[in-house]
Amino acid sequence: MRAAAWKDYELIDTSGGERLERWGNIVLIRPDPQIIWNTPRKNPLWREAHARYQRSHTGGGSWQEYRKVPSMWKIRYGELTFQLKTMGFKHTGIFPEQAVNWEFAMQKIGAAGRPVKVLNLFGYTGAATLACAKAGAQVCHVDASKGMVAWAKENAAASGLADRPVRWLVDDCMKFVQREQRRGNHYEGIIMDPPSYGRGPGGEVWKLEEQLYSLVEMCVPILSENPLFFILNSYTTGLSPAVMEYLLGVLLQKRFGGKVSSGEIGLPVTETGLVLPCGSTAIWES
């Protein structure tokens, strides 16, 4: 599955552990450990990029600016607008390969012909939330980071969606799902993009491979009697798409029927015409 409908984002080239990317009119070079090939860097933008993220030998890294990079700038995907900035840990605030999942969710919501409530867990800066809201869904957006939820609200305003029915919540995702069970709330769609590793507010260690099953299992009771979809994303290399598909098959297909599918999601590389894998997605749909 490849996100090929972008105009404001372009993966120009890949070589020597790095990506050359265009975000609107800003060109960045970022590290990517999957890029194990050393191909000729013929594109002149390798030498004309605005900034490069350089990893430190002691962990982390920093941005080296060669040309002025705005503190924040905007790009568009269809009718959605996202505000970007160069963040620590090499990110910009959006994962462009996820556009394939935004399109899938929008299509399912648009075709439902009934009110749809969607829960977006680990919602980050809100791209999937905005896509669902744009398609007409009522959305609950949950992320443990206050700063990310604030950024997501800014993206909603930039996209002209500030008045849509979205609940913006700063909360621990597992604890929120448990409370939704007790409250008897239900959703037609759930989107889940959990981190590979992290710590909860009380210092609890989160490790995706060990806790993903219990988290998805916890979500089953808060799906409605006639749900539409469940989207599960992972950037953990040890968790294959087939494993995630099996997990959704065991927990969701047995109960609701429908079908499960999975695959790598990726971005087309302009210089080669090939697709760079960027993560895995498994989907259950009615």
C-alpha atoms as a PDB file:
ATOM      1  CA  MET A   1       0.000   0.000   0.000  1.00  0.00           C
ATOM      2  CA  ARG A   2       1.568   3.261  -1.027  1.00  0.00           C
ATOM      3  CA  ALA A   3       0.621   6.865  -0.340  1.00  0.00           C
ATOM      4  CA  ALA A   4       0.920   8.302  -3.830  1.00  0.00           C
ATOM      5  CA  ALA A   5      -1.699  11.083  -3.815  1.00  0.00           C
ATOM      6  CA  TRP A   6       0.469  13.745  -2.179  1.00  0.00           C
ATOM      7  CA  LYS A   7       1.258  17.061  -3.884  1.00  0.00           C
ATOM      8  CA  ASP A   8       2.818  18.972  -0.953  1.00  0.00           C
ATOM      9  CA  TYR A   9       5.029  16.070   0.159  1.00  0.00           C
ATOM     10  CA  GLU A  10       7.594  14.192  -1.925  1.00  0.00           C
ATOM     11  CA  LEU A  11      10.154  11.535  -1.083  1.00  0.00           C
ATOM     12  CA  ILE A  12      12.735  12.637  -3.625  1.00  0.00           C
ATOM     13  CA  ASP A  13      15.547  10.140  -3.049  1.00  0.00           C
ATOM     14  CA  THR A  14      17.034   7.666  -0.542  1.00  0.00           C
ATOM     15  CA  SER A  15      20.697   6.749  -0.020  1.00  0.00           C
ATOM     16  CA  GLY A  16      23.240   5.965   2.684  1.00  0.00           C
ATOM     17  CA  GLY A  17      20.794   5.747   5.571  1.00  0.00           C
ATOM     18  CA  GLU A  18      19.027   9.013   4.708  1.00  0.00           C
ATOM     19  CA  ARG A  19      15.861  10.327   3.059  1.00  0.00           C
ATOM     20  CA  LEU A  20      15.744  13.454   0.890  1.00  0.00           C
ATOM     21  CA  GLU A  21      12.222  14.890   1.311  1.00  0.00           C
ATOM     22  CA  ARG A  22      10.231  17.910   0.206  1.00  0.00           C
ATOM     23  CA  TRP A  23       7.629  19.226   2.658  1.00  0.00           C
ATOM     24  CA  GLY A  24       5.872  22.011   0.754  1.00  0.00           C
ATOM     25  CA  ASN A  25       8.813  24.217  -0.279  1.00  0.00           C
ATOM     26  CA  ILE A  26      11.112  23.033   2.533  1.00  0.00           C
ATOM     27  CA  VAL A  27      13.652  20.293   1.700  1.00  0.00           C
ATOM     28  CA  LEU A  28      14.922  18.146   4.579  1.00  0.00           C
ATOM     29  CA  ILE A  29      17.359  15.261   4.952  1.00  0.00           C
ATOM     30  CA  ARG A  30      16.426  12.779   7.692  1.00  0.00           C
ATOM     31  CA  PRO A  31      17.974   9.483   8.838  1.00  0.00           C
ATOM     32  CA  ASP A  32      16.250   6.165   8.130  1.00  0.00           C
ATOM     33  CA  PRO A  33      17.967   2.941   9.279  1.00  0.00           C
ATOM     34  CA  GLN A  34      16.140   0.886   6.637  1.00  0.00           C
ATOM     35  CA  ILE A  35      18.008   2.643   3.820  1.00  0.00           C
ATOM     36  CA  ILE A  36      20.960   0.255   3.670  1.00  0.00           C
ATOM     37  CA  TRP A  37      21.911   1.040   0.037  1.00  0.00           C
ATOM     38  CA  ASN A  38      24.495   3.552  -1.136  1.00  0.00           C
ATOM     39  CA  THR A  39      23.186   4.794  -4.461  1.00  0.00           C
ATOM     40  CA  PRO A  40      24.598   7.867  -6.274  1.00  0.00           C
ATOM     41  CA  ARG A  41      23.184  11.143  -4.934  1.00  0.00           C
ATOM     42  CA  LYS A  42      22.635  12.691  -8.337  1.00  0.00           C
ATOM     43  CA  ASN A  43      19.791  15.021  -7.359  1.00  0.00           C
ATOM     44  CA  PRO A  44      21.222  18.500  -6.620  1.00  0.00           C
ATOM     45  CA  LEU A  45      18.780  18.939  -3.719  1.00  0.00           C
ATOM     46  CA  TRP A  46      21.049  16.683  -1.643  1.00  0.00           C
ATOM     47  CA  ARG A  47      23.406  19.693  -1.603  1.00  0.00           C
ATOM     48  CA  GLU A  48      20.684  22.352  -1.396  1.00  0.00           C
ATOM     49  CA  ALA A  49      18.504  21.066   1.461  1.00  0.00           C
ATOM     50  CA  HIS A  50      17.288  23.504   4.101  1.00  0.00           C
ATOM     51  CA  ALA A  51      18.318  21.247   6.993  1.00  0.00           C
ATOM     52  CA  ARG A  52      19.641  17.818   7.935  1.00  0.00           C
ATOM     53  CA  TYR A  53      18.953  15.856  11.100  1.00  0.00           C
ATOM     54  CA  GLN A  54      22.211  14.417  12.413  1.00  0.00           C
ATOM     55  CA  ARG A  55      22.231  11.695  15.012  1.00  0.00           C
ATOM     56  CA  SER A  56      24.533  12.003  18.001  1.00  0.00           C
ATOM     57  CA  HIS A  57      26.842   9.145  19.033  1.00  0.00           C
ATOM     58  CA  THR A  58      25.537   9.594  22.588  1.00  0.00           C
ATOM     59  CA  GLY A  59      21.878   9.247  21.548  1.00  0.00           C
ATOM     60  CA  GLY A  60      19.329  11.631  20.094  1.00  0.00           C
ATOM     61  CA  GLY A  61      20.523  14.245  17.620  1.00  0.00           C
ATOM     62  CA  SER A  62      19.877  17.727  16.302  1.00  0.00           C
ATOM     63  CA  TRP A  63      18.936  19.679  13.182  1.00  0.00           C
ATOM     64  CA  GLN A  64      21.712  21.380  11.239  1.00  0.00           C
ATOM     65  CA  GLU A  65      20.261  24.289   9.264  1.00  0.00           C
ATOM     66  CA  TYR A  66      21.873  25.259   5.958  1.00  0.00           C
ATOM     67  CA  ARG A  67      19.082  27.585   4.846  1.00  0.00           C
ATOM     68  CA  LYS A  68      16.448  29.326   6.961  1.00  0.00           C
ATOM     69  CA  VAL A  69      13.679  26.957   8.103  1.00  0.00           C
ATOM     70  CA  PRO A  70      10.468  28.599   9.406  1.00  0.00           C
ATOM     71  CA  SER A  71       9.581  27.872  13.032  1.00  0.00           C
ATOM     72  CA  MET A  72       6.324  26.446  11.615  1.00  0.00           C
ATOM     73  CA  TRP A  73       4.964  26.040   8.090  1.00  0.00           C
ATOM     74  CA  LYS A  74       1.914  24.443   6.445  1.00  0.00           C
ATOM     75  CA  ILE A  75       1.285  21.725   3.889  1.00  0.00           C
ATOM     76  CA  ARG A  76      -1.988  20.408   2.495  1.00  0.00           C
ATOM     77  CA  TYR A  77      -3.370  16.972   1.705  1.00  0.00           C
ATOM     78  CA  GLY A  78      -6.603  17.342  -0.231  1.00  0.00           C
ATOM     79  CA  GLU A  79      -8.744  19.654   1.888  1.00  0.00           C
ATOM     80  CA  LEU A  80      -6.736  19.047   5.075  1.00  0.00           C
ATOM     81  CA  THR A  81      -4.024  21.431   6.287  1.00  0.00           C
ATOM     82  CA  PHE A  82      -1.192  20.423   8.612  1.00  0.00           C
ATOM     83  CA  GLN A  83       1.243  22.641  10.486  1.00  0.00           C
ATOM     84  CA  LEU A  84       4.801  21.303  10.530  1.00  0.00           C
ATOM     85  CA  LYS A  85       7.979  22.061  12.431  1.00  0.00           C
ATOM     86  CA  THR A  86      11.385  20.431  12.819  1.00  0.00           C
ATOM     87  CA  MET A  87      11.160  18.562  16.111  1.00  0.00           C
ATOM     88  CA  GLY A  88      13.689  16.754  18.230  1.00  0.00           C
ATOM     89  CA  PHE A  89      13.984  13.052  17.360  1.00  0.00           C
ATOM     90  CA  LYS A  90      13.895  13.914  13.585  1.00  0.00           C
ATOM     91  CA  HIS A  91      10.098  14.276  13.203  1.00  0.00           C
ATOM     92  CA  THR A  92       8.044  17.042  11.557  1.00  0.00           C
ATOM     93  CA  GLY A  93       4.608  16.330  13.049  1.00  0.00           C
ATOM     94  CA  ILE A  94       3.142  14.106  10.346  1.00  0.00           C
ATOM     95  CA  PHE A  95       3.700  10.626   8.889  1.00  0.00           C
ATOM     96  CA  PRO A  96       2.840  11.049   5.179  1.00  0.00           C
ATOM     97  CA  GLU A  97       2.600   7.296   4.485  1.00  0.00           C
ATOM     98  CA  GLN A  98      -0.483   7.188   6.733  1.00  0.00           C
ATOM     99  CA  ALA A  99      -2.484   8.933   3.989  1.00  0.00           C
ATOM    100  CA  VAL A 100      -3.530   5.475   2.734  1.00  0.00           C
ATOM    101  CA  ASN A 101      -5.294   4.885   6.061  1.00  0.00           C
ATOM    102  CA  TRP A 102      -6.893   8.355   6.098  1.00  0.00           C
ATOM    103  CA  GLU A 103      -8.357   7.620   2.653  1.00  0.00           C
ATOM    104  CA  PHE A 104      -9.636   4.200   3.768  1.00  0.00           C
ATOM    105  CA  ALA A 105     -11.338   5.621   6.867  1.00  0.00           C
ATOM    106  CA  MET A 106     -12.919   8.489   4.920  1.00  0.00           C
ATOM    107  CA  GLN A 107     -14.307   6.086   2.326  1.00  0.00           C
ATOM    108  CA  LYS A 108     -15.836   3.774   4.959  1.00  0.00           C
ATOM    109  CA  ILE A 109     -17.377   6.695   6.883  1.00  0.00           C
ATOM    110  CA  GLY A 110     -18.730   8.331   3.731  1.00  0.00           C
ATOM    111  CA  ALA A 111     -20.310   5.091   2.511  1.00  0.00           C
ATOM    112  CA  ALA A 112     -21.868   4.140   5.875  1.00  0.00           C
ATOM    113  CA  GLY A 113     -25.067   6.153   5.420  1.00  0.00           C
ATOM    114  CA  ARG A 114     -25.487   6.454   9.198  1.00  0.00           C
ATOM    115  CA  PRO A 115     -23.932   8.355  12.126  1.00  0.00           C
ATOM    116  CA  VAL A 116     -20.394   7.158  12.815  1.00  0.00           C
ATOM    117  CA  LYS A 117     -18.305   7.587  15.974  1.00  0.00           C
ATOM    118  CA  VAL A 118     -14.557   7.021  15.694  1.00  0.00           C
ATOM    119  CA  LEU A 119     -11.971   6.624  18.471  1.00  0.00           C
ATOM    120  CA  ASN A 120      -8.415   7.651  17.550  1.00  0.00           C
ATOM    121  CA  LEU A 121      -5.977   6.316  20.157  1.00  0.00           C
ATOM    122  CA  PHE A 122      -2.402   7.678  20.327  1.00  0.00           C
ATOM    123  CA  GLY A 123      -3.797  10.412  18.067  1.00  0.00           C
ATOM    124  CA  TYR A 124      -0.553  12.452  17.797  1.00  0.00           C
ATOM    125  CA  THR A 125      -1.099  15.696  15.800  1.00  0.00           C
ATOM    126  CA  GLY A 126      -4.522  14.637  14.585  1.00  0.00           C
ATOM    127  CA  ALA A 127      -4.211  13.786  10.885  1.00  0.00           C
ATOM    128  CA  ALA A 128      -6.456  10.704  11.101  1.00  0.00           C
ATOM    129  CA  THR A 129      -8.852  12.577  13.402  1.00  0.00           C
ATOM    130  CA  LEU A 130      -9.236  15.382  10.846  1.00  0.00           C
ATOM    131  CA  ALA A 131      -9.745  12.941   7.981  1.00  0.00           C
ATOM    132  CA  CYS A 132     -12.561  11.201   9.879  1.00  0.00           C
ATOM    133  CA  ALA A 133     -14.134  14.502  10.962  1.00  0.00           C
ATOM    134  CA  LYS A 134     -13.989  15.778   7.377  1.00  0.00           C
ATOM    135  CA  ALA A 135     -15.821  12.626   6.240  1.00  0.00           C
ATOM    136  CA  GLY A 136     -18.620  13.359   8.723  1.00  0.00           C
ATOM    137  CA  ALA A 137     -17.728  11.265  11.758  1.00  0.00           C
ATOM    138  CA  GLN A 138     -17.925  12.256  15.398  1.00  0.00           C
ATOM    139  CA  VAL A 139     -14.392  11.689  16.707  1.00  0.00           C
ATOM    140  CA  CYS A 140     -12.759  11.129  20.092  1.00  0.00           C
ATOM    141  CA  HIS A 141      -9.031  11.961  19.907  1.00  0.00           C
ATOM    142  CA  VAL A 142      -6.840  10.642  22.745  1.00  0.00           C
ATOM    143  CA  ASP A 143      -3.126  11.218  23.333  1.00  0.00           C
ATOM    144  CA  ALA A 144      -1.063  11.310  26.522  1.00  0.00           C
ATOM    145  CA  SER A 145       0.857  14.413  25.380  1.00  0.00           C
ATOM    146  CA  LYS A 146      -0.768  17.763  26.137  1.00  0.00           C
ATOM    147  CA  GLY A 147       1.436  19.429  23.513  1.00  0.00           C
ATOM    148  CA  MET A 148       0.391  16.996  20.768  1.00  0.00           C
ATOM    149  CA  VAL A 149      -3.316  17.449  21.519  1.00  0.00           C
ATOM    150  CA  ALA A 150      -2.858  21.239  21.359  1.00  0.00           C
ATOM    151  CA  TRP A 151      -1.068  20.837  18.003  1.00  0.00           C
ATOM    152  CA  ALA A 152      -3.903  18.626  16.725  1.00  0.00           C
ATOM    153  CA  LYS A 153      -6.425  21.344  17.630  1.00  0.00           C
ATOM    154  CA  GLU A 154      -4.333  23.873  15.685  1.00  0.00           C
ATOM    155  CA  ASN A 155      -4.396  21.539  12.665  1.00  0.00           C
ATOM    156  CA  ALA A 156      -8.189  21.291  12.976  1.00  0.00           C
ATOM    157  CA  ALA A 157      -8.467  25.093  12.946  1.00  0.00           C
ATOM    158  CA  ALA A 158      -6.072  25.356   9.966  1.00  0.00           C
ATOM    159  CA  SER A 159      -8.236  22.807   8.093  1.00  0.00           C
ATOM    160  CA  GLY A 160     -11.468  24.689   8.821  1.00  0.00           C
ATOM    161  CA  LEU A 161     -12.682  21.851  11.065  1.00  0.00           C
ATOM    162  CA  ALA A 162     -12.574  23.538  14.477  1.00  0.00           C
ATOM    163  CA  ASP A 163     -16.385  23.399  14.750  1.00  0.00           C
ATOM    164  CA  ARG A 164     -16.658  19.668  13.993  1.00  0.00           C
ATOM    165  CA  PRO A 165     -17.745  17.276  16.797  1.00  0.00           C
ATOM    166  CA  VAL A 166     -14.311  16.220  18.103  1.00  0.00           C
ATOM    167  CA  ARG A 167     -13.457  15.489  21.753  1.00  0.00           C
ATOM    168  CA  TRP A 168      -9.797  16.352  22.397  1.00  0.00           C
ATOM    169  CA  LEU A 169      -8.511  14.385  25.388  1.00  0.00           C
ATOM    170  CA  VAL A 170      -5.123  14.286  27.130  1.00  0.00           C
ATOM    171  CA  ASP A 171      -5.175  10.845  28.709  1.00  0.00           C
ATOM    172  CA  ASP A 172      -3.470   7.469  29.010  1.00  0.00           C
ATOM    173  CA  CYS A 173      -5.001   5.382  26.209  1.00  0.00           C
ATOM    174  CA  MET A 174      -5.334   2.105  28.151  1.00  0.00           C
ATOM    175  CA  LYS A 175      -6.952   3.806  31.133  1.00  0.00           C
ATOM    176  CA  PHE A 176      -9.290   5.744  28.844  1.00  0.00           C
ATOM    177  CA  VAL A 177     -10.474   2.550  27.110  1.00  0.00           C
ATOM    178  CA  GLN A 178     -11.134   0.928  30.488  1.00  0.00           C
ATOM    179  CA  ARG A 179     -13.260   3.906  31.533  1.00  0.00           C
ATOM    180  CA  GLU A 180     -15.167   3.826  28.223  1.00  0.00           C
ATOM    181  CA  GLN A 181     -16.035   0.200  28.958  1.00  0.00           C
ATOM    182  CA  ARG A 182     -17.462   1.171  32.350  1.00  0.00           C
ATOM    183  CA  ARG A 183     -19.355   4.116  30.834  1.00  0.00           C
ATOM    184  CA  GLY A 184     -20.876   1.887  28.158  1.00  0.00           C
ATOM    185  CA  ASN A 185     -19.675   4.062  25.251  1.00  0.00           C
ATOM    186  CA  HIS A 186     -19.319   2.525  21.798  1.00  0.00           C
ATOM    187  CA  TYR A 187     -17.644   3.343  18.483  1.00  0.00           C
ATOM    188  CA  GLU A 188     -18.112   2.300  14.858  1.00  0.00           C
ATOM    189  CA  GLY A 189     -14.422   2.711  14.114  1.00  0.00           C
ATOM    190  CA  ILE A 190     -11.160   2.572  16.070  1.00  0.00           C
ATOM    191  CA  ILE A 191      -7.757   3.759  14.857  1.00  0.00           C
ATOM    192  CA  MET A 192      -4.721   2.778  16.897  1.00  0.00           C
ATOM    193  CA  ASP A 193      -1.127   3.916  16.302  1.00  0.00           C
ATOM    194  CA  PRO A 194       0.695   2.848  19.487  1.00  0.00           C
ATOM    195  CA  PRO A 195       4.388   3.594  20.120  1.00  0.00           C
ATOM    196  CA  SER A 196       6.920   0.776  20.063  1.00  0.00           C
ATOM    197  CA  TYR A 197       8.182   1.687  23.510  1.00  0.00           C
ATOM    198  CA  GLY A 198       7.309   4.259  26.124  1.00  0.00           C
ATOM    199  CA  ARG A 199       6.552   5.076  29.737  1.00  0.00           C
ATOM    200  CA  GLY A 200       3.205   5.910  31.273  1.00  0.00           C
ATOM    201  CA  PRO A 201       2.577   8.858  33.597  1.00  0.00           C
ATOM    202  CA  GLY A 202       3.361   6.655  36.620  1.00  0.00           C
ATOM    203  CA  GLY A 203       6.581   5.312  35.116  1.00  0.00           C
ATOM    204  CA  GLU A 204       4.907   2.148  33.758  1.00  0.00           C
ATOM    205  CA  VAL A 205       6.865   0.610  30.890  1.00  0.00           C
ATOM    206  CA  TRP A 206       4.968   0.112  27.640  1.00  0.00           C
ATOM    207  CA  LYS A 207       6.383  -2.461  25.207  1.00  0.00           C
ATOM    208  CA  LEU A 208       4.261  -2.945  22.100  1.00  0.00           C
ATOM    209  CA  GLU A 209       4.886  -6.658  21.507  1.00  0.00           C
ATOM    210  CA  GLU A 210       3.976  -7.503  25.100  1.00  0.00           C
ATOM    211  CA  GLN A 211       0.898  -5.315  25.519  1.00  0.00           C
ATOM    212  CA  LEU A 212      -0.684  -4.945  22.095  1.00  0.00           C
ATOM    213  CA  TYR A 213      -2.910  -8.018  22.393  1.00  0.00           C
ATOM    214  CA  SER A 214      -4.386  -6.909  25.710  1.00  0.00           C
ATOM    215  CA  LEU A 215      -4.975  -3.369  24.402  1.00  0.00           C
ATOM    216  CA  VAL A 216      -6.815  -4.545  21.278  1.00  0.00           C
ATOM    217  CA  GLU A 217      -8.757  -7.065  23.391  1.00  0.00           C
ATOM    218  CA  MET A 218      -9.749  -4.213  25.702  1.00  0.00           C
ATOM    219  CA  CYS A 219     -11.131  -2.284  22.714  1.00  0.00           C
ATOM    220  CA  VAL A 220     -13.481  -5.046  21.524  1.00  0.00           C
ATOM    221  CA  PRO A 221     -16.249  -4.303  24.099  1.00  0.00           C
ATOM    222  CA  ILE A 222     -16.342  -0.619  23.104  1.00  0.00           C
ATOM    223  CA  LEU A 223     -17.036  -1.378  19.445  1.00  0.00           C
ATOM    224  CA  SER A 224     -20.702  -1.006  18.515  1.00  0.00           C
ATOM    225  CA  GLU A 225     -22.843  -3.978  17.519  1.00  0.00           C
ATOM    226  CA  ASN A 226     -22.345  -3.057  13.858  1.00  0.00           C
ATOM    227  CA  PRO A 227     -18.814  -1.591  13.604  1.00  0.00           C
ATOM    228  CA  LEU A 228     -17.169  -0.426  10.369  1.00  0.00           C
ATOM    229  CA  PHE A 229     -13.413  -0.752  10.837  1.00  0.00           C
ATOM    230  CA  PHE A 230     -10.417  -1.193  13.107  1.00  0.00           C
ATOM    231  CA  ILE A 231      -7.071   0.165  11.872  1.00  0.00           C
ATOM    232  CA  LEU A 232      -3.888  -0.958  13.647  1.00  0.00           C
ATOM    233  CA  ASN A 233      -0.527   0.643  12.790  1.00  0.00           C
ATOM    234  CA  SER A 234       2.971  -0.372  13.848  1.00  0.00           C
ATOM    235  CA  TYR A 235       6.492   0.893  13.263  1.00  0.00           C
ATOM    236  CA  THR A 236       8.039  -1.947  15.266  1.00  0.00           C
ATOM    237  CA  THR A 237      10.250  -3.984  12.926  1.00  0.00           C
ATOM    238  CA  GLY A 238       9.732  -7.182  14.942  1.00  0.00           C
ATOM    239  CA  LEU A 239       5.954  -7.085  14.445  1.00  0.00           C
ATOM    240  CA  SER A 240       5.107  -8.242  10.924  1.00  0.00           C
ATOM    241  CA  PRO A 241       1.878  -7.247   9.114  1.00  0.00           C
ATOM    242  CA  ALA A 242       0.798 -10.914   9.140  1.00  0.00           C
ATOM    243  CA  VAL A 243       1.113 -11.104  12.938  1.00  0.00           C
ATOM    244  CA  MET A 244      -1.090  -8.016  13.332  1.00  0.00           C
ATOM    245  CA  GLU A 245      -3.589  -9.405  10.819  1.00  0.00           C
ATOM    246  CA  TYR A 246      -3.764 -12.662  12.782  1.00  0.00           C
ATOM    247  CA  LEU A 247      -4.348 -10.702  16.013  1.00  0.00           C
ATOM    248  CA  LEU A 248      -7.287  -8.808  14.494  1.00  0.00           C
ATOM    249  CA  GLY A 249      -8.633 -12.028  13.009  1.00  0.00           C
ATOM    250  CA  VAL A 250      -8.619 -13.748  16.400  1.00  0.00           C
ATOM    251  CA  LEU A 251     -10.182 -10.858  18.297  1.00  0.00           C
ATOM    252  CA  LEU A 252     -12.505  -9.190  15.784  1.00  0.00           C
ATOM    253  CA  GLN A 253     -13.330 -11.461  12.845  1.00  0.00           C
ATOM    254  CA  LYS A 254     -14.530 -14.235  15.142  1.00  0.00           C
ATOM    255  CA  ARG A 255     -17.020 -11.875  16.766  1.00  0.00           C
ATOM    256  CA  PHE A 256     -18.062  -9.532  13.956  1.00  0.00           C
ATOM    257  CA  GLY A 257     -17.357 -11.449  10.747  1.00  0.00           C
ATOM    258  CA  GLY A 258     -16.056  -9.146   8.024  1.00  0.00           C
ATOM    259  CA  LYS A 259     -12.534  -9.464   6.720  1.00  0.00           C
ATOM    260  CA  VAL A 260      -8.967  -8.719   7.785  1.00  0.00           C
ATOM    261  CA  SER A 261      -6.054  -7.602   5.650  1.00  0.00           C
ATOM    262  CA  SER A 262      -2.555  -6.312   6.209  1.00  0.00           C
ATOM    263  CA  GLY A 263       0.500  -5.015   4.428  1.00  0.00           C
ATOM    264  CA  GLU A 264       3.448  -2.704   4.452  1.00  0.00           C
ATOM    265  CA  ILE A 265       2.695   0.940   3.858  1.00  0.00           C
ATOM    266  CA  GLY A 266       5.207   2.972   1.919  1.00  0.00           C
ATOM    267  CA  LEU A 267       6.110   6.062  -0.047  1.00  0.00           C
ATOM    268  CA  PRO A 268       7.085   6.191  -3.734  1.00  0.00           C
ATOM    269  CA  VAL A 269      10.622   7.472  -4.337  1.00  0.00           C
ATOM    270  CA  THR A 270      10.746   9.963  -7.218  1.00  0.00           C
ATOM    271  CA  GLU A 271      14.326   9.230  -8.336  1.00  0.00           C
ATOM    272  CA  THR A 272      13.898   5.439  -8.619  1.00  0.00           C
ATOM    273  CA  GLY A 273      10.166   4.796  -8.968  1.00  0.00           C
ATOM    274  CA  LEU A 274      10.487   2.245  -6.155  1.00  0.00           C
ATOM    275  CA  VAL A 275       8.558   2.251  -2.872  1.00  0.00           C
ATOM    276  CA  LEU A 276      10.249   2.776   0.503  1.00  0.00           C
ATOM    277  CA  PRO A 277       8.519   0.686   3.230  1.00  0.00           C
ATOM    278  CA  CYS A 278       7.564   2.870   6.180  1.00  0.00           C
ATOM    279  CA  GLY A 279       5.622   0.660   8.562  1.00  0.00           C
ATOM    280  CA  SER A 280       2.851  -1.911   8.789  1.00  0.00           C
ATOM    281  CA  THR A 281      -0.918  -1.707   8.889  1.00  0.00           C
ATOM    282  CA  ALA A 282      -3.542  -4.336   9.640  1.00  0.00           C
ATOM    283  CA  ILE A 283      -7.228  -3.595   9.069  1.00  0.00           C
ATOM    284  CA  TRP A 284     -10.440  -5.303  10.077  1.00  0.00           C
ATOM    285  CA  GLU A 285     -13.492  -4.108   8.152  1.00  0.00           C
ATOM    286  CA  SER A 286     -17.143  -5.080   8.118  1.00  0.00           C
END
